[in-house]
Amino acid sequence: MANNRDLILLESVKTHRSRLRAAFLFGELDERRTASDNLKRAIGSVVLGAVICAACVGVSFVTKTMSDQAVARTPQPASTQSENR
């Protein structure tokens, strides 16, 4: 019986500390649960998506430019077709 009370007390202290920590880090409950949180997440997601797209386009551009330069550097074999006239 005494052991059960101790566990209940320890769990309530743990819960209380986690709530205090959350309030300290993120503000009061009214401030934390606003509609602007979802708006911030949406804007952040759009910005992150734009950065990822820009990185993909940049990598593609650099890869194509490097391959074009490699093709331009290789000597083209002279065509030895005979002219039939």
PDB file of N, CA and C in Angstrom:
ATOM      1  N   MET A   1       0.815  -1.188   0.000  1.00  0.00           N
ATOM      2  CA  MET A   1       0.000   0.000   0.000  1.00  0.00           C
ATOM      3  C   MET A   1       0.866   1.262   0.000  1.00  0.00           C
ATOM      4  N   ALA A   2       1.908   1.274   0.825  1.00  0.00           N
ATOM      5  CA  ALA A   2       2.777   2.444   0.901  1.00  0.00           C
ATOM      6  C   ALA A   2       3.545   2.624  -0.405  1.00  0.00           C
ATOM      7  N   ASN A   3       3.902   1.531  -1.032  1.00  0.00           N
ATOM      8  CA  ASN A   3       4.636   1.587  -2.289  1.00  0.00           C
ATOM      9  C   ASN A   3       3.781   2.224  -3.381  1.00  0.00           C
ATOM     10  N   ASN A   4       2.498   1.941  -3.388  1.00  0.00           N
ATOM     11  CA  ASN A   4       1.582   2.502  -4.376  1.00  0.00           C
ATOM     12  C   ASN A   4       1.473   4.015  -4.206  1.00  0.00           C
ATOM     13  N   ARG A   5       1.428   4.487  -2.976  1.00  0.00           N
ATOM     14  CA  ARG A   5       1.365   5.928  -2.719  1.00  0.00           C
ATOM     15  C   ARG A   5       2.632   6.618  -3.206  1.00  0.00           C
ATOM     16  N   ASP A   6       3.759   5.964  -2.997  1.00  0.00           N
ATOM     17  CA  ASP A   6       5.024   6.539  -3.452  1.00  0.00           C
ATOM     18  C   ASP A   6       5.053   6.671  -4.972  1.00  0.00           C
ATOM     19  N   LEU A   7       4.581   5.646  -5.655  1.00  0.00           N
ATOM     20  CA  LEU A   7       4.553   5.695  -7.116  1.00  0.00           C
ATOM     21  C   LEU A   7       3.630   6.799  -7.618  1.00  0.00           C
ATOM     22  N   ILE A   8       2.495   6.947  -6.970  1.00  0.00           N
ATOM     23  CA  ILE A   8       1.553   8.002  -7.356  1.00  0.00           C
ATOM     24  C   ILE A   8       2.181   9.372  -7.142  1.00  0.00           C
ATOM     25  N   LEU A   9       2.858   9.544  -6.015  1.00  0.00           N
ATOM     26  CA  LEU A   9       3.510  10.813  -5.720  1.00  0.00           C
ATOM     27  C   LEU A   9       4.620  11.106  -6.724  1.00  0.00           C
ATOM     28  N   LEU A  10       5.444  10.116  -7.027  1.00  0.00           N
ATOM     29  CA  LEU A  10       6.527  10.312  -7.986  1.00  0.00           C
ATOM     30  C   LEU A  10       5.992  10.645  -9.378  1.00  0.00           C
ATOM     31  N   GLU A  11       4.932   9.991  -9.777  1.00  0.00           N
ATOM     32  CA  GLU A  11       4.356  10.264 -11.091  1.00  0.00           C
ATOM     33  C   GLU A  11       3.744  11.659 -11.156  1.00  0.00           C
ATOM     34  N   SER A  12       3.093  12.081 -10.083  1.00  0.00           N
ATOM     35  CA  SER A  12       2.502  13.424 -10.085  1.00  0.00           C
ATOM     36  C   SER A  12       3.590  14.499 -10.084  1.00  0.00           C
ATOM     37  N   VAL A  13       4.693  14.259  -9.383  1.00  0.00           N
ATOM     38  CA  VAL A  13       5.806  15.214  -9.397  1.00  0.00           C
ATOM     39  C   VAL A  13       6.420  15.279 -10.789  1.00  0.00           C
ATOM     40  N   LYS A  14       6.567  14.132 -11.429  1.00  0.00           N
ATOM     41  CA  LYS A  14       7.118  14.092 -12.786  1.00  0.00           C
ATOM     42  C   LYS A  14       6.226  14.863 -13.756  1.00  0.00           C
ATOM     43  N   THR A  15       4.922  14.665 -13.659  1.00  0.00           N
ATOM     44  CA  THR A  15       3.976  15.370 -14.520  1.00  0.00           C
ATOM     45  C   THR A  15       4.017  16.870 -14.258  1.00  0.00           C
ATOM     46  N   HIS A  16       4.072  17.236 -12.992  1.00  0.00           N
ATOM     47  CA  HIS A  16       4.112  18.651 -12.628  1.00  0.00           C
ATOM     48  C   HIS A  16       5.374  19.315 -13.174  1.00  0.00           C
ATOM     49  N   ARG A  17       6.507  18.647 -13.044  1.00  0.00           N
ATOM     50  CA  ARG A  17       7.763  19.211 -13.555  1.00  0.00           C
ATOM     51  C   ARG A  17       7.744  19.347 -15.070  1.00  0.00           C
ATOM     52  N   SER A  18       7.183  18.366 -15.758  1.00  0.00           N
ATOM     53  CA  SER A  18       7.136  18.466 -17.223  1.00  0.00           C
ATOM     54  C   SER A  18       6.215  19.601 -17.661  1.00  0.00           C
ATOM     55  N   ARG A  19       5.119  19.815 -16.937  1.00  0.00           N
ATOM     56  CA  ARG A  19       4.231  20.934 -17.268  1.00  0.00           C
ATOM     57  C   ARG A  19       4.898  22.270 -16.990  1.00  0.00           C
ATOM     58  N   LEU A  20       5.632  22.364 -15.882  1.00  0.00           N
ATOM     59  CA  LEU A  20       6.353  23.601 -15.579  1.00  0.00           C
ATOM     60  C   LEU A  20       7.428  23.881 -16.625  1.00  0.00           C
ATOM     61  N   ARG A  21       8.132  22.834 -17.034  1.00  0.00           N
ATOM     62  CA  ARG A  21       9.167  22.993 -18.054  1.00  0.00           C
ATOM     63  C   ARG A  21       8.553  23.466 -19.371  1.00  0.00           C
ATOM     64  N   ALA A  22       7.428  22.878 -19.758  1.00  0.00           N
ATOM     65  CA  ALA A  22       6.763  23.286 -20.997  1.00  0.00           C
ATOM     66  C   ALA A  22       6.275  24.723 -20.904  1.00  0.00           C
ATOM     67  N   ALA A  23       5.748  25.115 -19.748  1.00  0.00           N
ATOM     68  CA  ALA A  23       5.287  26.492 -19.574  1.00  0.00           C
ATOM     69  C   ALA A  23       6.457  27.468 -19.622  1.00  0.00           C
ATOM     70  N   PHE A  24       7.585  27.072 -19.061  1.00  0.00           N
ATOM     71  CA  PHE A  24       8.762  27.943 -19.075  1.00  0.00           C
ATOM     72  C   PHE A  24       9.313  28.101 -20.489  1.00  0.00           C
ATOM     73  N   LEU A  25       9.373  27.005 -21.232  1.00  0.00           N
ATOM     74  CA  LEU A  25       9.959  27.052 -22.567  1.00  0.00           C
ATOM     75  C   LEU A  25       9.033  27.664 -23.608  1.00  0.00           C
ATOM     76  N   PHE A  26       7.743  27.367 -23.528  1.00  0.00           N
ATOM     77  CA  PHE A  26       6.824  27.743 -24.598  1.00  0.00           C
ATOM     78  C   PHE A  26       5.775  28.763 -24.194  1.00  0.00           C
ATOM     79  N   GLY A  27       5.777  29.224 -22.966  1.00  0.00           N
ATOM     80  CA  GLY A  27       4.809  30.223 -22.534  1.00  0.00           C
ATOM     81  C   GLY A  27       3.557  29.590 -21.953  1.00  0.00           C
ATOM     82  N   GLU A  28       2.607  30.456 -21.619  1.00  0.00           N
ATOM     83  CA  GLU A  28       1.366  29.970 -21.023  1.00  0.00           C
ATOM     84  C   GLU A  28       0.555  29.175 -22.034  1.00  0.00           C
ATOM     85  N   LEU A  29      -0.398  28.421 -21.523  1.00  0.00           N
ATOM     86  CA  LEU A  29      -1.199  27.548 -22.372  1.00  0.00           C
ATOM     87  C   LEU A  29      -1.996  28.348 -23.397  1.00  0.00           C
ATOM     88  N   ASP A  30      -2.503  29.520 -23.003  1.00  0.00           N
ATOM     89  CA  ASP A  30      -3.254  30.359 -23.944  1.00  0.00           C
ATOM     90  C   ASP A  30      -2.374  30.826 -25.096  1.00  0.00           C
ATOM     91  N   GLU A  31      -1.125  31.121 -24.793  1.00  0.00           N
ATOM     92  CA  GLU A  31      -0.206  31.592 -25.828  1.00  0.00           C
ATOM     93  C   GLU A  31       0.248  30.462 -26.741  1.00  0.00           C
ATOM     94  N   ARG A  32       0.306  29.256 -26.206  1.00  0.00           N
ATOM     95  CA  ARG A  32       0.792  28.127 -26.994  1.00  0.00           C
ATOM     96  C   ARG A  32      -0.237  27.631 -27.994  1.00  0.00           C
ATOM     97  N   ARG A  33      -1.484  27.706 -27.657  1.00  0.00           N
ATOM     98  CA  ARG A  33      -2.527  27.132 -28.513  1.00  0.00           C
ATOM     99  C   ARG A  33      -3.244  28.227 -29.293  1.00  0.00           C
ATOM    100  N   THR A  34      -2.569  28.746 -30.269  1.00  0.00           N
ATOM    101  CA  THR A  34      -3.176  29.762 -31.120  1.00  0.00           C
ATOM    102  C   THR A  34      -3.241  29.236 -32.543  1.00  0.00           C
ATOM    103  N   ALA A  35      -4.064  29.873 -33.334  1.00  0.00           N
ATOM    104  CA  ALA A  35      -4.201  29.454 -34.731  1.00  0.00           C
ATOM    105  C   ALA A  35      -2.958  29.798 -35.532  1.00  0.00           C
ATOM    106  N   SER A  36      -2.177  30.741 -35.043  1.00  0.00           N
ATOM    107  CA  SER A  36      -0.993  31.135 -35.796  1.00  0.00           C
ATOM    108  C   SER A  36       0.078  30.046 -35.792  1.00  0.00           C
ATOM    109  N   ASP A  37      -0.010  29.086 -34.860  1.00  0.00           N
ATOM    110  CA  ASP A  37       0.958  27.985 -34.865  1.00  0.00           C
ATOM    111  C   ASP A  37       0.871  27.193 -36.161  1.00  0.00           C
ATOM    112  N   ASN A  38      -0.346  26.892 -36.572  1.00  0.00           N
ATOM    113  CA  ASN A  38      -0.504  26.145 -37.817  1.00  0.00           C
ATOM    114  C   ASN A  38      -0.087  26.985 -39.015  1.00  0.00           C
ATOM    115  N   LEU A  39      -0.339  28.275 -38.953  1.00  0.00           N
ATOM    116  CA  LEU A  39       0.080  29.161 -40.038  1.00  0.00           C
ATOM    117  C   LEU A  39       1.603  29.219 -40.120  1.00  0.00           C
ATOM    118  N   LYS A  40       2.258  29.279 -38.972  1.00  0.00           N
ATOM    119  CA  LYS A  40       3.723  29.280 -38.956  1.00  0.00           C
ATOM    120  C   LYS A  40       4.265  27.982 -39.533  1.00  0.00           C
ATOM    121  N   ARG A  41       3.646  26.877 -39.188  1.00  0.00           N
ATOM    122  CA  ARG A  41       4.083  25.588 -39.728  1.00  0.00           C
ATOM    123  C   ARG A  41       3.887  25.535 -41.238  1.00  0.00           C
ATOM    124  N   ALA A  42       2.760  26.051 -41.714  1.00  0.00           N
ATOM    125  CA  ALA A  42       2.488  26.036 -43.152  1.00  0.00           C
ATOM    126  C   ALA A  42       3.500  26.903 -43.901  1.00  0.00           C
ATOM    127  N   ILE A  43       3.772  28.088 -43.376  1.00  0.00           N
ATOM    128  CA  ILE A  43       4.746  28.974 -44.022  1.00  0.00           C
ATOM    129  C   ILE A  43       6.133  28.341 -43.988  1.00  0.00           C
ATOM    130  N   GLY A  44       6.484  27.751 -42.865  1.00  0.00           N
ATOM    131  CA  GLY A  44       7.776  27.072 -42.762  1.00  0.00           C
ATOM    132  C   GLY A  44       7.887  25.919 -43.745  1.00  0.00           C
ATOM    133  N   SER A  45       6.801  25.182 -43.935  1.00  0.00           N
ATOM    134  CA  SER A  45       6.812  24.066 -44.880  1.00  0.00           C
ATOM    135  C   SER A  45       6.977  24.560 -46.311  1.00  0.00           C
ATOM    136  N   VAL A  46       6.306  25.653 -46.646  1.00  0.00           N
ATOM    137  CA  VAL A  46       6.429  26.211 -47.995  1.00  0.00           C
ATOM    138  C   VAL A  46       7.856  26.702 -48.237  1.00  0.00           C
ATOM    139  N   VAL A  47       8.430  27.367 -47.253  1.00  0.00           N
ATOM    140  CA  VAL A  47       9.807  27.858 -47.395  1.00  0.00           C
ATOM    141  C   VAL A  47      10.774  26.688 -47.530  1.00  0.00           C
ATOM    142  N   LEU A  48      10.594  25.665 -46.717  1.00  0.00           N
ATOM    143  CA  LEU A  48      11.460  24.488 -46.802  1.00  0.00           C
ATOM    144  C   LEU A  48      11.325  23.804 -48.159  1.00  0.00           C
ATOM    145  N   GLY A  49      10.102  23.696 -48.659  1.00  0.00           N
ATOM    146  CA  GLY A  49       9.889  23.110 -49.984  1.00  0.00           C
ATOM    147  C   GLY A  49      10.559  23.925 -51.082  1.00  0.00           C
ATOM    148  N   ALA A  50      10.494  25.259 -50.973  1.00  0.00           N
ATOM    149  CA  ALA A  50      11.135  26.120 -51.968  1.00  0.00           C
ATOM    150  C   ALA A  50      12.652  25.962 -51.932  1.00  0.00           C
ATOM    151  N   VAL A  51      13.214  25.841 -50.750  1.00  0.00           N
ATOM    152  CA  VAL A  51      14.666  25.657 -50.629  1.00  0.00           C
ATOM    153  C   VAL A  51      15.081  24.320 -51.233  1.00  0.00           C
ATOM    154  N   ILE A  52      14.308  23.283 -50.981  1.00  0.00           N
ATOM    155  CA  ILE A  52      14.627  21.960 -51.538  1.00  0.00           C
ATOM    156  C   ILE A  52      14.521  21.991 -53.064  1.00  0.00           C
ATOM    157  N   CYS A  53      13.490  22.641 -53.591  1.00  0.00           N
ATOM    158  CA  CYS A  53      13.350  22.757 -55.053  1.00  0.00           C
ATOM    159  C   CYS A  53      14.512  23.537 -55.657  1.00  0.00           C
ATOM    160  N   ALA A  54      14.896  24.622 -55.017  1.00  0.00           N
ATOM    161  CA  ALA A  54      16.017  25.417 -55.520  1.00  0.00           C
ATOM    162  C   ALA A  54      17.309  24.603 -55.502  1.00  0.00           C
ATOM    163  N   ALA A  55      17.495  23.798 -54.486  1.00  0.00           N
ATOM    164  CA  ALA A  55      18.690  22.956 -54.424  1.00  0.00           C
ATOM    165  C   ALA A  55      18.684  21.927 -55.552  1.00  0.00           C
ATOM    166  N   CYS A  56      17.536  21.340 -55.830  1.00  0.00           N
ATOM    167  CA  CYS A  56      17.441  20.360 -56.925  1.00  0.00           C
ATOM    168  C   CYS A  56      17.734  21.013 -58.273  1.00  0.00           C
ATOM    169  N   VAL A  57      17.182  22.192 -58.502  1.00  0.00           N
ATOM    170  CA  VAL A  57      17.429  22.902 -59.758  1.00  0.00           C
ATOM    171  C   VAL A  57      18.905  23.269 -59.875  1.00  0.00           C
ATOM    172  N   GLY A  58      19.509  23.709 -58.788  1.00  0.00           N
ATOM    173  CA  GLY A  58      20.925  24.066 -58.804  1.00  0.00           C
ATOM    174  C   GLY A  58      21.811  22.871 -59.107  1.00  0.00           C
ATOM    175  N   VAL A  59      21.525  21.740 -58.480  1.00  0.00           N
ATOM    176  CA  VAL A  59      22.315  20.530 -58.733  1.00  0.00           C
ATOM    177  C   VAL A  59      22.150  20.087 -60.181  1.00  0.00           C
ATOM    178  N   SER A  60      20.942  20.154 -60.692  1.00  0.00           N
ATOM    179  CA  SER A  60      20.697  19.775 -62.081  1.00  0.00           C
ATOM    180  C   SER A  60      21.442  20.694 -63.044  1.00  0.00           C
ATOM    181  N   PHE A  61      21.418  21.990 -62.777  1.00  0.00           N
ATOM    182  CA  PHE A  61      22.114  22.953 -63.637  1.00  0.00           C
ATOM    183  C   PHE A  61      23.616  22.704 -63.643  1.00  0.00           C
ATOM    184  N   VAL A  62      24.181  22.509 -62.464  1.00  0.00           N
ATOM    185  CA  VAL A  62      25.627  22.285 -62.370  1.00  0.00           C
ATOM    186  C   VAL A  62      26.009  20.979 -63.060  1.00  0.00           C
ATOM    187  N   THR A  63      25.213  19.940 -62.881  1.00  0.00           N
ATOM    188  CA  THR A  63      25.501  18.655 -63.517  1.00  0.00           C
ATOM    189  C   THR A  63      25.458  18.770 -65.034  1.00  0.00           C
ATOM    190  N   LYS A  64      24.435  19.449 -65.563  1.00  0.00           N
ATOM    191  CA  LYS A  64      24.324  19.608 -67.015  1.00  0.00           C
ATOM    192  C   LYS A  64      25.462  20.460 -67.556  1.00  0.00           C
ATOM    193  N   THR A  65      25.811  21.525 -66.867  1.00  0.00           N
ATOM    194  CA  THR A  65      26.904  22.387 -67.311  1.00  0.00           C
ATOM    195  C   THR A  65      28.219  21.625 -67.341  1.00  0.00           C
ATOM    196  N   MET A  66      28.462  20.825 -66.314  1.00  0.00           N
ATOM    197  CA  MET A  66      29.706  20.058 -66.280  1.00  0.00           C
ATOM    198  C   MET A  66      29.742  19.000 -67.380  1.00  0.00           C
ATOM    199  N   SER A  67      28.609  18.366 -67.653  1.00  0.00           N
ATOM    200  CA  SER A  67      28.598  17.362 -68.722  1.00  0.00           C
ATOM    201  C   SER A  67      28.763  18.021 -70.090  1.00  0.00           C
ATOM    202  N   ASP A  68      28.176  19.204 -70.283  1.00  0.00           N
ATOM    203  CA  ASP A  68      28.359  19.930 -71.546  1.00  0.00           C
ATOM    204  C   ASP A  68      29.821  20.331 -71.736  1.00  0.00           C
ATOM    205  N   GLN A  69      30.468  20.754 -70.668  1.00  0.00           N
ATOM    206  CA  GLN A  69      31.879  21.122 -70.762  1.00  0.00           C
ATOM    207  C   GLN A  69      32.743  19.903 -71.055  1.00  0.00           C
ATOM    208  N   ALA A  70      32.399  18.762 -70.480  1.00  0.00           N
ATOM    209  CA  ALA A  70      33.169  17.542 -70.734  1.00  0.00           C
ATOM    210  C   ALA A  70      33.025  17.112 -72.187  1.00  0.00           C
ATOM    211  N   VAL A  71      31.829  17.251 -72.738  1.00  0.00           N
ATOM    212  CA  VAL A  71      31.613  16.898 -74.141  1.00  0.00           C
ATOM    213  C   VAL A  71      32.365  17.868 -75.044  1.00  0.00           C
ATOM    214  N   ALA A  72      32.394  19.136 -74.690  1.00  0.00           N
ATOM    215  CA  ALA A  72      33.085  20.131 -75.512  1.00  0.00           C
ATOM    216  C   ALA A  72      34.597  19.925 -75.476  1.00  0.00           C
ATOM    217  N   ARG A  73      35.131  19.405 -74.392  1.00  0.00           N
ATOM    218  CA  ARG A  73      36.570  19.192 -74.270  1.00  0.00           C
ATOM    219  C   ARG A  73      37.054  17.982 -75.049  1.00  0.00           C
ATOM    220  N   THR A  74      36.222  16.975 -75.214  1.00  0.00           N
ATOM    221  CA  THR A  74      36.666  15.775 -75.918  1.00  0.00           C
ATOM    222  C   THR A  74      36.772  16.081 -77.403  1.00  0.00           C
ATOM    223  N   PRO A  75      37.873  15.670 -78.032  1.00  0.00           N
ATOM    224  CA  PRO A  75      38.034  15.949 -79.471  1.00  0.00           C
ATOM    225  C   PRO A  75      37.060  15.104 -80.286  1.00  0.00           C
ATOM    226  N   GLN A  76      36.457  15.745 -81.257  1.00  0.00           N
ATOM    227  CA  GLN A  76      35.524  15.053 -82.131  1.00  0.00           C
ATOM    228  C   GLN A  76      36.322  14.382 -83.250  1.00  0.00           C
ATOM    229  N   PRO A  77      36.079  13.108 -83.517  1.00  0.00           N
ATOM    230  CA  PRO A  77      36.804  12.450 -84.614  1.00  0.00           C
ATOM    231  C   PRO A  77      36.362  13.036 -85.957  1.00  0.00           C
ATOM    232  N   ALA A  78      37.345  13.230 -86.809  1.00  0.00           N
ATOM    233  CA  ALA A  78      37.047  13.795 -88.129  1.00  0.00           C
ATOM    234  C   ALA A  78      36.291  12.763 -88.945  1.00  0.00           C
ATOM    235  N   SER A  79      35.263  13.196 -89.596  1.00  0.00           N
ATOM    236  CA  SER A  79      34.495  12.257 -90.406  1.00  0.00           C
ATOM    237  C   SER A  79      35.246  11.997 -91.702  1.00  0.00           C
ATOM    238  N   THR A  80      35.353  10.752 -92.074  1.00  0.00           N
ATOM    239  CA  THR A  80      36.101  10.362 -93.273  1.00  0.00           C
ATOM    240  C   THR A  80      35.161   9.812 -94.325  1.00  0.00           C
ATOM    241  N   GLN A  81      34.067  10.483 -94.499  1.00  0.00           N
ATOM    242  CA  GLN A  81      33.128  10.032 -95.517  1.00  0.00           C
ATOM    243  C   GLN A  81      33.627  10.506 -96.880  1.00  0.00           C
ATOM    244  N   SER A  82      33.591   9.615 -97.811  1.00  0.00           N
ATOM    245  CA  SER A  82      34.015   9.995 -99.163  1.00  0.00           C
ATOM    246  C   SER A  82      32.867  10.701 -99.858  1.00  0.00           C
ATOM    247  N   GLU A  83      33.237  11.687-100.599  1.00  0.00           N
ATOM    248  CA  GLU A  83      32.218  12.443-101.316  1.00  0.00           C
ATOM    249  C   GLU A  83      32.019  11.806-102.677  1.00  0.00           C
ATOM    250  N   ASN A  84      30.850  11.359-102.950  1.00  0.00           N
ATOM    251  CA  ASN A  84      30.516  10.741-104.242  1.00  0.00           C
ATOM    252  C   ASN A  84      29.764  11.749-105.087  1.00  0.00           C
ATOM    253  N   ARG A  85      30.451  12.307-106.083  1.00  0.00           N
ATOM    254  CA  ARG A  85      29.793  13.252-106.980  1.00  0.00           C
ATOM    255  C   ARG A  85      30.087  12.912-108.388  1.00  0.00           C
TER     256      ARG A  85
END
